Protein backbone atom coordinates (compact mmCIF):
# COMPACT_ATOMS: atom_id res chain seq x y z
CA MET A 1 62.67 97.78 43.70
CA LEU A 2 61.99 100.48 41.08
CA ALA A 3 64.46 102.72 42.88
CA ASP A 4 67.14 100.48 41.39
CA ILE A 5 66.10 101.67 37.91
CA PRO A 6 66.32 105.48 37.97
CA ASP A 7 64.93 105.88 34.43
CA VAL A 8 61.56 104.41 35.50
CA GLN A 9 58.94 106.30 37.49
CA ILE A 10 55.47 105.49 38.75
CA ALA A 11 53.17 107.40 36.41
CA ASN A 12 49.82 106.52 37.98
CA TYR A 13 48.25 104.55 40.78
CA SER A 14 45.20 103.27 38.91
CA SER A 15 44.02 101.04 41.76
CA PRO A 16 45.53 99.18 44.70
CA SER A 17 46.32 96.32 42.33
CA GLN A 18 47.28 98.33 39.23
CA ILE A 19 50.24 100.68 38.93
CA ILE A 20 51.41 102.34 35.73
CA ILE A 21 55.14 102.92 35.26
CA SER A 22 56.80 105.06 32.64
CA GLY A 23 60.28 105.40 31.20
CA GLU A 24 62.50 104.41 28.34
CA LYS A 25 61.49 101.10 26.76
CA THR A 26 64.54 99.11 27.85
CA SER A 27 64.27 100.42 31.41
CA VAL A 28 60.55 99.59 31.60
CA GLU A 29 61.27 96.09 30.29
CA ARG A 30 63.98 95.68 32.94
CA ALA A 31 61.53 96.83 35.60
CA GLY A 32 58.97 94.36 34.23
CA ALA A 33 61.43 91.51 34.62
CA LEU A 34 62.19 92.55 38.22
CA ILE A 35 58.58 92.87 39.30
CA SER A 36 57.71 89.62 37.56
CA LYS A 37 60.36 87.84 39.65
CA ALA A 38 58.83 89.52 42.72
CA GLY A 39 55.49 87.85 42.02
CA VAL A 40 53.52 90.24 39.83
CA LYS A 41 51.19 88.05 37.81
CA ARG A 42 50.28 90.30 34.89
CA ILE A 43 52.30 92.92 33.04
CA ILE A 44 50.94 94.77 30.03
CA TYR A 45 53.30 96.87 27.94
CA LEU A 46 51.41 99.77 26.38
CA LYS A 47 52.29 100.95 22.91
CA ASP A 48 52.83 104.69 22.90
CA ASN A 49 55.16 107.20 21.33
CA GLY A 50 56.62 108.82 24.40
CA THR A 51 57.56 108.51 28.02
CA PHE A 52 54.63 110.61 29.12
CA HIS A 53 54.06 111.10 32.85
CA SER A 54 57.77 110.73 33.54
CA LYS A 55 60.66 113.03 34.30
CA ALA A 56 61.70 112.65 30.65
CA MET A 57 58.99 115.23 29.88
CA ASN A 58 60.40 117.87 32.26
CA GLU A 59 62.34 119.70 29.57
CA ALA A 60 59.29 119.88 27.30
CA ALA A 61 57.15 121.08 30.22
CA GLU A 62 59.64 123.87 30.99
CA LYS A 63 59.64 124.98 27.35
CA LEU A 64 55.84 124.97 27.24
CA GLU A 65 55.67 126.91 30.49
CA SER A 66 57.93 129.65 29.10
CA ILE A 67 55.69 129.94 26.04
CA LEU A 68 52.45 129.96 28.04
CA GLU A 69 53.76 132.79 30.23
CA HIS A 70 53.25 135.06 27.21
CA VAL A 71 49.79 133.82 26.24
CA GLU A 72 46.79 135.93 27.20
CA PHE A 73 43.77 133.86 28.18
CA HIS A 74 40.19 135.17 27.91
CA GLN A 75 36.75 134.09 29.09
CA LEU A 76 35.17 131.55 26.75
CA THR A 77 32.54 132.94 24.40
CA ILE A 78 31.53 129.65 22.76
CA PRO A 79 29.58 127.11 24.84
CA TYR A 80 31.15 123.72 25.30
CA ILE A 81 30.15 120.41 26.84
CA PRO A 82 32.70 118.85 29.20
CA ASN A 83 32.78 115.07 29.37
CA VAL A 84 32.62 115.22 33.18
CA THR A 85 29.09 116.66 33.44
CA GLY A 86 27.69 116.44 29.92
CA THR A 87 26.00 119.84 30.34
CA TYR A 88 26.55 123.09 28.44
CA ILE A 89 28.90 125.61 29.96
């Protein structure tokens, strides 16, 4: 069904009953109408400023990659606390 709307991609499989799609607003709305007709009971349109997690970000990712190729990374010298473990590293 989403294959009929090439500007929309699945961005995340949050759970078996929750899938996040991403794309241009009009394309996402079109996809919403299609999946609603197919029986989806609840659609929530998120307010954001970009089509993150979609192929629309490929150009930006390529530009960032070319910049990061010239960045020298070093070992951290300042401890930090990641939100995954909550312990100092």
